[in-house]
Amino acid sequence: MKNTKTAMQLAVLAAMLGTAGGAAAQAKGDWTVKLGVNRITPKVESGNVSAPALPNTKADVNSDTKPILNLAYFITDHLAAELDMGAPYRHKLFGADAIAGTGQLGTVDVLPPTLFAQYRFFRPDAMFRPYVGLGVTYAYFRRERGSAQLTAILNTGGPASTFSLESKWAASAQLGASVRLSERWSLDGGVIKTRLRTTATYSTGQTQAMKLDPVAVNLGVTFKF
């Protein structure tokens, strides 16, 4: 009798745990919002500034970190659509190769909203759920500002030099994981690689091909509603 009572208690406990797990799941029909930080590091391969310019006049681009806001909708228990947004990133441009060490050439702001199709592994109520995603990014460049150093290199003694970067669509791949903290809260982190090429056009008439291919690393907390 005692064993039967114990078995019944264990069965009830298991049922309660199962119900709690299901309630905490990120499953079909759920929406999530993620708040966190994201660091974008361009992996630059710069072309040369077109003539007239010193041979091997190249550029490099530094990293930047900004807050992010991501929204996701679970189409099924395993398939989700995620929109990644955030504050504009501000990147500094520096001379490279023949003009390495000449200092900052300018700054540019970029907004890179990205829409992903994701596949989430394991059961919806699993505590740990890795995921992969493929998506499309629109890199919108704005507020390009040239420096006095840029003018000294491209237009010595002339008017201040400016530049623009062509906004582009690009393909992105994503690898990440979420760890459930409670019924509605999770810790989520990931890495995104984007294949991004653009062209810089200078006020002096020269152009420069730029392979940016940024890597983004993010970490945040996710709320399910």
C-alpha atoms as a PDB file:
ATOM      1  CA  MET A   1       0.000   0.000   0.000  1.00  0.00           C
ATOM      2  CA  LYS A   2       2.817   2.328   0.955  1.00  0.00           C
ATOM      3  CA  ASN A   3       4.614   1.621  -2.332  1.00  0.00           C
ATOM      4  CA  THR A   4       1.377   2.286  -4.242  1.00  0.00           C
ATOM      5  CA  LYS A   5       0.923   5.622  -2.457  1.00  0.00           C
ATOM      6  CA  THR A   6       4.538   6.590  -3.177  1.00  0.00           C
ATOM      7  CA  ALA A   7       4.127   5.664  -6.843  1.00  0.00           C
ATOM      8  CA  MET A   8       0.990   7.796  -7.069  1.00  0.00           C
ATOM      9  CA  GLN A   9       2.796  10.738  -5.463  1.00  0.00           C
ATOM     10  CA  LEU A  10       5.658  10.397  -7.941  1.00  0.00           C
ATOM     11  CA  ALA A  11       3.194  10.234 -10.830  1.00  0.00           C
ATOM     12  CA  VAL A  12       1.476  13.427  -9.651  1.00  0.00           C
ATOM     13  CA  LEU A  13       4.831  15.161  -9.235  1.00  0.00           C
ATOM     14  CA  ALA A  14       5.905  14.100 -12.714  1.00  0.00           C
ATOM     15  CA  ALA A  15       2.629  15.403 -14.147  1.00  0.00           C
ATOM     16  CA  MET A  16       3.100  18.736 -12.378  1.00  0.00           C
ATOM     17  CA  LEU A  17       6.655  19.058 -13.674  1.00  0.00           C
ATOM     18  CA  GLY A  18       5.497  18.192 -17.148  1.00  0.00           C
ATOM     19  CA  THR A  19       2.821  20.870 -17.001  1.00  0.00           C
ATOM     20  CA  ALA A  20       5.300  23.447 -15.705  1.00  0.00           C
ATOM     21  CA  GLY A  21       7.739  22.559 -18.467  1.00  0.00           C
ATOM     22  CA  GLY A  22       5.051  22.953 -21.120  1.00  0.00           C
ATOM     23  CA  ALA A  23       4.032  26.335 -19.706  1.00  0.00           C
ATOM     24  CA  ALA A  24       7.614  27.551 -19.948  1.00  0.00           C
ATOM     25  CA  ALA A  25       8.123  26.311 -23.496  1.00  0.00           C
ATOM     26  CA  GLN A  26       8.830  28.528 -26.475  1.00  0.00           C
ATOM     27  CA  ALA A  27       6.352  26.780 -28.743  1.00  0.00           C
ATOM     28  CA  LYS A  28       4.064  27.317 -31.708  1.00  0.00           C
ATOM     29  CA  GLY A  29       2.189  30.619 -31.496  1.00  0.00           C
ATOM     30  CA  ASP A  30       4.515  32.219 -28.925  1.00  0.00           C
ATOM     31  CA  TRP A  31       6.104  35.658 -29.314  1.00  0.00           C
ATOM     32  CA  THR A  32       9.401  36.590 -27.666  1.00  0.00           C
ATOM     33  CA  VAL A  33      11.256  39.857 -27.251  1.00  0.00           C
ATOM     34  CA  LYS A  34      14.990  39.982 -26.578  1.00  0.00           C
ATOM     35  CA  LEU A  35      16.902  42.907 -25.063  1.00  0.00           C
ATOM     36  CA  GLY A  36      20.680  42.832 -24.952  1.00  0.00           C
ATOM     37  CA  VAL A  37      23.920  44.092 -26.430  1.00  0.00           C
ATOM     38  CA  ASN A  38      25.579  43.301 -29.735  1.00  0.00           C
ATOM     39  CA  ARG A  39      29.171  43.853 -30.873  1.00  0.00           C
ATOM     40  CA  ILE A  40      29.830  44.115 -34.603  1.00  0.00           C
ATOM     41  CA  THR A  41      33.379  43.537 -35.839  1.00  0.00           C
ATOM     42  CA  PRO A  42      33.948  44.063 -39.577  1.00  0.00           C
ATOM     43  CA  LYS A  43      36.402  41.611 -41.159  1.00  0.00           C
ATOM     44  CA  VAL A  44      37.650  44.088 -43.717  1.00  0.00           C
ATOM     45  CA  GLU A  45      39.341  43.352 -47.015  1.00  0.00           C
ATOM     46  CA  SER A  46      39.737  46.749 -48.611  1.00  0.00           C
ATOM     47  CA  GLY A  47      40.265  47.497 -52.252  1.00  0.00           C
ATOM     48  CA  ASN A  48      42.494  50.343 -53.402  1.00  0.00           C
ATOM     49  CA  VAL A  49      41.254  53.900 -53.826  1.00  0.00           C
ATOM     50  CA  SER A  50      41.020  54.458 -57.564  1.00  0.00           C
ATOM     51  CA  ALA A  51      43.415  56.834 -59.335  1.00  0.00           C
ATOM     52  CA  PRO A  52      44.621  59.402 -58.747  1.00  0.00           C
ATOM     53  CA  ALA A  53      45.777  58.071 -55.364  1.00  0.00           C
ATOM     54  CA  LEU A  54      48.899  56.622 -53.781  1.00  0.00           C
ATOM     55  CA  PRO A  55      49.133  52.905 -54.751  1.00  0.00           C
ATOM     56  CA  ASN A  56      47.681  50.528 -52.139  1.00  0.00           C
ATOM     57  CA  THR A  57      45.639  53.228 -50.431  1.00  0.00           C
ATOM     58  CA  LYS A  58      43.282  51.082 -48.353  1.00  0.00           C
ATOM     59  CA  ALA A  59      40.986  51.450 -45.351  1.00  0.00           C
ATOM     60  CA  ASP A  60      40.069  49.583 -42.190  1.00  0.00           C
ATOM     61  CA  VAL A  61      36.937  49.767 -40.012  1.00  0.00           C
ATOM     62  CA  ASN A  62      36.739  49.384 -36.227  1.00  0.00           C
ATOM     63  CA  SER A  63      34.176  47.540 -34.061  1.00  0.00           C
ATOM     64  CA  ASP A  64      31.211  48.994 -32.210  1.00  0.00           C
ATOM     65  CA  THR A  65      28.807  47.770 -29.499  1.00  0.00           C
ATOM     66  CA  LYS A  66      25.175  48.833 -29.180  1.00  0.00           C
ATOM     67  CA  PRO A  67      21.888  47.740 -27.515  1.00  0.00           C
ATOM     68  CA  ILE A  68      19.642  45.398 -29.516  1.00  0.00           C
ATOM     69  CA  LEU A  69      15.931  44.593 -29.645  1.00  0.00           C
ATOM     70  CA  ASN A  70      14.875  41.325 -31.318  1.00  0.00           C
ATOM     71  CA  LEU A  71      11.325  40.085 -31.916  1.00  0.00           C
ATOM     72  CA  ALA A  72      10.537  36.448 -32.732  1.00  0.00           C
ATOM     73  CA  TYR A  73       7.409  34.469 -33.576  1.00  0.00           C
ATOM     74  CA  PHE A  74       7.243  30.671 -33.357  1.00  0.00           C
ATOM     75  CA  ILE A  75       5.577  29.380 -36.515  1.00  0.00           C
ATOM     76  CA  THR A  76       5.889  25.811 -35.212  1.00  0.00           C
ATOM     77  CA  ASP A  77       7.554  24.318 -32.123  1.00  0.00           C
ATOM     78  CA  HIS A  78      10.862  24.347 -34.030  1.00  0.00           C
ATOM     79  CA  LEU A  79      10.573  27.015 -36.736  1.00  0.00           C
ATOM     80  CA  ALA A  80      10.670  30.703 -35.850  1.00  0.00           C
ATOM     81  CA  ALA A  81      10.923  34.035 -37.637  1.00  0.00           C
ATOM     82  CA  GLU A  82      13.127  36.623 -35.912  1.00  0.00           C
ATOM     83  CA  LEU A  83      13.618  40.313 -36.655  1.00  0.00           C
ATOM     84  CA  ASP A  84      16.849  41.790 -35.266  1.00  0.00           C
ATOM     85  CA  MET A  85      16.903  45.552 -34.685  1.00  0.00           C
ATOM     86  CA  GLY A  86      18.766  48.045 -32.525  1.00  0.00           C
ATOM     87  CA  ALA A  87      20.442  51.420 -32.247  1.00  0.00           C
ATOM     88  CA  PRO A  88      22.640  52.674 -35.126  1.00  0.00           C
ATOM     89  CA  TYR A  89      26.248  51.532 -34.962  1.00  0.00           C
ATOM     90  CA  ARG A  90      28.989  54.103 -35.432  1.00  0.00           C
ATOM     91  CA  HIS A  91      32.178  52.853 -37.039  1.00  0.00           C
ATOM     92  CA  LYS A  92      35.473  54.685 -37.424  1.00  0.00           C
ATOM     93  CA  LEU A  93      37.476  54.341 -40.630  1.00  0.00           C
ATOM     94  CA  PHE A  94      41.272  54.299 -40.570  1.00  0.00           C
ATOM     95  CA  GLY A  95      44.005  54.225 -43.184  1.00  0.00           C
ATOM     96  CA  ALA A  96      45.554  50.842 -44.035  1.00  0.00           C
ATOM     97  CA  ASP A  97      48.411  49.420 -46.102  1.00  0.00           C
ATOM     98  CA  ALA A  98      50.213  52.357 -47.803  1.00  0.00           C
ATOM     99  CA  ILE A  99      48.492  54.885 -45.503  1.00  0.00           C
ATOM    100  CA  ALA A 100      48.515  52.806 -42.305  1.00  0.00           C
ATOM    101  CA  GLY A 101      49.148  54.934 -39.238  1.00  0.00           C
ATOM    102  CA  THR A 102      47.803  58.121 -40.782  1.00  0.00           C
ATOM    103  CA  GLY A 103      44.911  58.214 -38.317  1.00  0.00           C
ATOM    104  CA  GLN A 104      41.139  58.371 -38.516  1.00  0.00           C
ATOM    105  CA  LEU A 105      39.740  59.057 -41.976  1.00  0.00           C
ATOM    106  CA  GLY A 106      36.098  59.396 -40.994  1.00  0.00           C
ATOM    107  CA  THR A 107      33.052  57.879 -39.336  1.00  0.00           C
ATOM    108  CA  VAL A 108      29.856  56.259 -40.599  1.00  0.00           C
ATOM    109  CA  ASP A 109      26.596  55.208 -38.967  1.00  0.00           C
ATOM    110  CA  VAL A 110      24.906  51.984 -40.055  1.00  0.00           C
ATOM    111  CA  LEU A 111      21.530  50.388 -39.347  1.00  0.00           C
ATOM    112  CA  PRO A 112      21.561  46.658 -40.195  1.00  0.00           C
ATOM    113  CA  PRO A 113      18.042  45.231 -39.570  1.00  0.00           C
ATOM    114  CA  THR A 114      18.010  41.482 -40.234  1.00  0.00           C
ATOM    115  CA  LEU A 115      15.176  39.004 -40.740  1.00  0.00           C
ATOM    116  CA  PHE A 116      15.977  35.370 -39.898  1.00  0.00           C
ATOM    117  CA  ALA A 117      14.283  32.031 -40.440  1.00  0.00           C
ATOM    118  CA  GLN A 118      15.400  29.878 -37.491  1.00  0.00           C
ATOM    119  CA  TYR A 119      15.353  26.217 -36.584  1.00  0.00           C
ATOM    120  CA  ARG A 120      15.297  25.499 -32.830  1.00  0.00           C
ATOM    121  CA  PHE A 121      16.577  22.107 -31.697  1.00  0.00           C
ATOM    122  CA  PHE A 122      15.242  19.866 -28.895  1.00  0.00           C
ATOM    123  CA  ARG A 123      11.808  19.868 -27.302  1.00  0.00           C
ATOM    124  CA  PRO A 124       9.950  23.161 -26.796  1.00  0.00           C
ATOM    125  CA  ASP A 125      10.170  22.707 -23.007  1.00  0.00           C
ATOM    126  CA  ALA A 126      13.915  21.915 -22.974  1.00  0.00           C
ATOM    127  CA  MET A 127      16.005  24.072 -20.665  1.00  0.00           C
ATOM    128  CA  PHE A 128      18.752  24.409 -23.316  1.00  0.00           C
ATOM    129  CA  ARG A 129      17.806  25.020 -26.958  1.00  0.00           C
ATOM    130  CA  PRO A 130      20.467  25.679 -29.601  1.00  0.00           C
ATOM    131  CA  TYR A 131      19.359  27.149 -32.915  1.00  0.00           C
ATOM    132  CA  VAL A 132      20.579  28.016 -36.390  1.00  0.00           C
ATOM    133  CA  GLY A 133      19.258  30.662 -38.740  1.00  0.00           C
ATOM    134  CA  LEU A 134      19.549  32.022 -42.253  1.00  0.00           C
ATOM    135  CA  GLY A 135      18.473  35.525 -43.096  1.00  0.00           C
ATOM    136  CA  VAL A 136      18.770  38.721 -45.047  1.00  0.00           C
ATOM    137  CA  THR A 137      20.324  41.977 -43.805  1.00  0.00           C
ATOM    138  CA  TYR A 138      19.867  45.474 -45.155  1.00  0.00           C
ATOM    139  CA  ALA A 139      22.970  47.525 -44.308  1.00  0.00           C
ATOM    140  CA  TYR A 140      21.801  51.143 -44.399  1.00  0.00           C
ATOM    141  CA  PHE A 141      24.770  53.520 -44.258  1.00  0.00           C
ATOM    142  CA  ARG A 142      24.220  57.144 -43.281  1.00  0.00           C
ATOM    143  CA  ARG A 143      25.877  60.218 -41.762  1.00  0.00           C
ATOM    144  CA  GLU A 144      29.253  59.602 -43.361  1.00  0.00           C
ATOM    145  CA  ARG A 145      31.767  62.187 -42.153  1.00  0.00           C
ATOM    146  CA  GLY A 146      35.244  62.715 -43.534  1.00  0.00           C
ATOM    147  CA  SER A 147      38.140  63.991 -41.425  1.00  0.00           C
ATOM    148  CA  ALA A 148      40.888  66.519 -42.047  1.00  0.00           C
ATOM    149  CA  GLN A 149      43.201  63.547 -42.488  1.00  0.00           C
ATOM    150  CA  LEU A 150      41.050  62.253 -45.352  1.00  0.00           C
ATOM    151  CA  THR A 151      41.294  65.646 -47.040  1.00  0.00           C
ATOM    152  CA  ALA A 152      45.074  65.677 -46.553  1.00  0.00           C
ATOM    153  CA  ILE A 153      45.359  62.298 -48.308  1.00  0.00           C
ATOM    154  CA  LEU A 154      42.889  62.783 -51.170  1.00  0.00           C
ATOM    155  CA  ASN A 155      42.684  66.524 -51.750  1.00  0.00           C
ATOM    156  CA  THR A 156      45.689  68.284 -50.211  1.00  0.00           C
ATOM    157  CA  GLY A 157      45.125  72.031 -50.074  1.00  0.00           C
ATOM    158  CA  GLY A 158      41.602  71.706 -51.482  1.00  0.00           C
ATOM    159  CA  PRO A 159      38.072  71.675 -50.055  1.00  0.00           C
ATOM    160  CA  ALA A 160      37.207  69.184 -47.333  1.00  0.00           C
ATOM    161  CA  SER A 161      36.805  65.641 -48.682  1.00  0.00           C
ATOM    162  CA  THR A 162      33.641  63.697 -47.999  1.00  0.00           C
ATOM    163  CA  PHE A 163      32.530  60.159 -48.847  1.00  0.00           C
ATOM    164  CA  SER A 164      29.479  57.924 -49.011  1.00  0.00           C
ATOM    165  CA  LEU A 165      28.967  54.156 -48.650  1.00  0.00           C
ATOM    166  CA  GLU A 166      26.421  52.356 -50.792  1.00  0.00           C
ATOM    167  CA  SER A 167      23.659  50.682 -48.774  1.00  0.00           C
ATOM    168  CA  LYS A 168      23.367  46.973 -49.585  1.00  0.00           C
ATOM    169  CA  TRP A 169      21.351  43.801 -49.065  1.00  0.00           C
ATOM    170  CA  ALA A 170      23.412  40.911 -47.685  1.00  0.00           C
ATOM    171  CA  ALA A 171      23.017  37.276 -46.603  1.00  0.00           C
ATOM    172  CA  SER A 172      23.496  36.379 -42.925  1.00  0.00           C
ATOM    173  CA  ALA A 173      23.960  33.103 -41.038  1.00  0.00           C
ATOM    174  CA  GLN A 174      23.236  32.672 -37.330  1.00  0.00           C
ATOM    175  CA  LEU A 175      24.248  30.249 -34.590  1.00  0.00           C
ATOM    176  CA  GLY A 176      22.939  30.635 -31.049  1.00  0.00           C
ATOM    177  CA  ALA A 177      21.343  29.093 -27.984  1.00  0.00           C
ATOM    178  CA  SER A 178      18.835  29.949 -25.270  1.00  0.00           C
ATOM    179  CA  VAL A 179      18.850  28.811 -21.642  1.00  0.00           C
ATOM    180  CA  ARG A 180      15.524  28.910 -19.801  1.00  0.00           C
ATOM    181  CA  LEU A 181      15.696  30.795 -16.489  1.00  0.00           C
ATOM    182  CA  SER A 182      12.003  30.736 -15.534  1.00  0.00           C
ATOM    183  CA  GLU A 183       8.549  30.306 -17.032  1.00  0.00           C
ATOM    184  CA  ARG A 184       8.916  33.377 -19.237  1.00  0.00           C
ATOM    185  CA  TRP A 185      12.557  34.474 -19.054  1.00  0.00           C
ATOM    186  CA  SER A 186      15.558  33.019 -20.900  1.00  0.00           C
ATOM    187  CA  LEU A 187      19.196  33.908 -21.416  1.00  0.00           C
ATOM    188  CA  ASP A 188      20.024  34.043 -25.126  1.00  0.00           C
ATOM    189  CA  GLY A 189      23.287  34.493 -27.007  1.00  0.00           C
ATOM    190  CA  GLY A 190      24.464  34.068 -30.553  1.00  0.00           C
ATOM    191  CA  VAL A 191      26.917  34.781 -33.351  1.00  0.00           C
ATOM    192  CA  ILE A 192      25.982  36.184 -36.765  1.00  0.00           C
ATOM    193  CA  LYS A 193      28.160  36.238 -39.866  1.00  0.00           C
ATOM    194  CA  THR A 194      27.153  38.522 -42.742  1.00  0.00           C
ATOM    195  CA  ARG A 195      28.518  38.548 -46.282  1.00  0.00           C
ATOM    196  CA  LEU A 196      28.606  42.269 -47.023  1.00  0.00           C
ATOM    197  CA  ARG A 197      30.271  44.137 -49.870  1.00  0.00           C
ATOM    198  CA  THR A 198      29.902  47.843 -50.590  1.00  0.00           C
ATOM    199  CA  THR A 199      31.573  50.708 -52.447  1.00  0.00           C
ATOM    200  CA  ALA A 200      32.893  53.972 -51.042  1.00  0.00           C
ATOM    201  CA  THR A 201      32.574  57.021 -53.285  1.00  0.00           C
ATOM    202  CA  TYR A 202      34.674  60.080 -52.480  1.00  0.00           C
ATOM    203  CA  SER A 203      33.887  63.716 -53.251  1.00  0.00           C
ATOM    204  CA  THR A 204      37.135  63.833 -55.227  1.00  0.00           C
ATOM    205  CA  GLY A 205      35.664  61.355 -57.719  1.00  0.00           C
ATOM    206  CA  GLN A 206      37.540  58.236 -56.603  1.00  0.00           C
ATOM    207  CA  THR A 207      35.904  54.989 -55.562  1.00  0.00           C
ATOM    208  CA  GLN A 208      36.940  52.063 -53.370  1.00  0.00           C
ATOM    209  CA  ALA A 209      35.509  48.545 -53.116  1.00  0.00           C
ATOM    210  CA  MET A 210      35.057  47.362 -49.535  1.00  0.00           C
ATOM    211  CA  LYS A 211      34.516  43.768 -48.342  1.00  0.00           C
ATOM    212  CA  LEU A 212      33.227  44.181 -44.781  1.00  0.00           C
ATOM    213  CA  ASP A 213      31.855  40.703 -43.866  1.00  0.00           C
ATOM    214  CA  PRO A 214      31.078  41.615 -40.221  1.00  0.00           C
ATOM    215  CA  VAL A 215      30.845  39.145 -37.341  1.00  0.00           C
ATOM    216  CA  ALA A 216      28.306  40.048 -34.630  1.00  0.00           C
ATOM    217  CA  VAL A 217      28.296  38.585 -31.112  1.00  0.00           C
ATOM    218  CA  ASN A 218      25.251  39.228 -28.929  1.00  0.00           C
ATOM    219  CA  LEU A 219      23.961  38.400 -25.467  1.00  0.00           C
ATOM    220  CA  GLY A 220      20.644  39.270 -23.883  1.00  0.00           C
ATOM    221  CA  VAL A 221      17.550  38.214 -21.975  1.00  0.00           C
ATOM    222  CA  THR A 222      14.375  37.006 -23.677  1.00  0.00           C
ATOM    223  CA  PHE A 223      10.805  37.401 -22.447  1.00  0.00           C
ATOM    224  CA  LYS A 224       8.007  35.159 -23.767  1.00  0.00           C
ATOM    225  CA  PHE A 225       4.485  36.525 -24.067  1.00  0.00           C
END
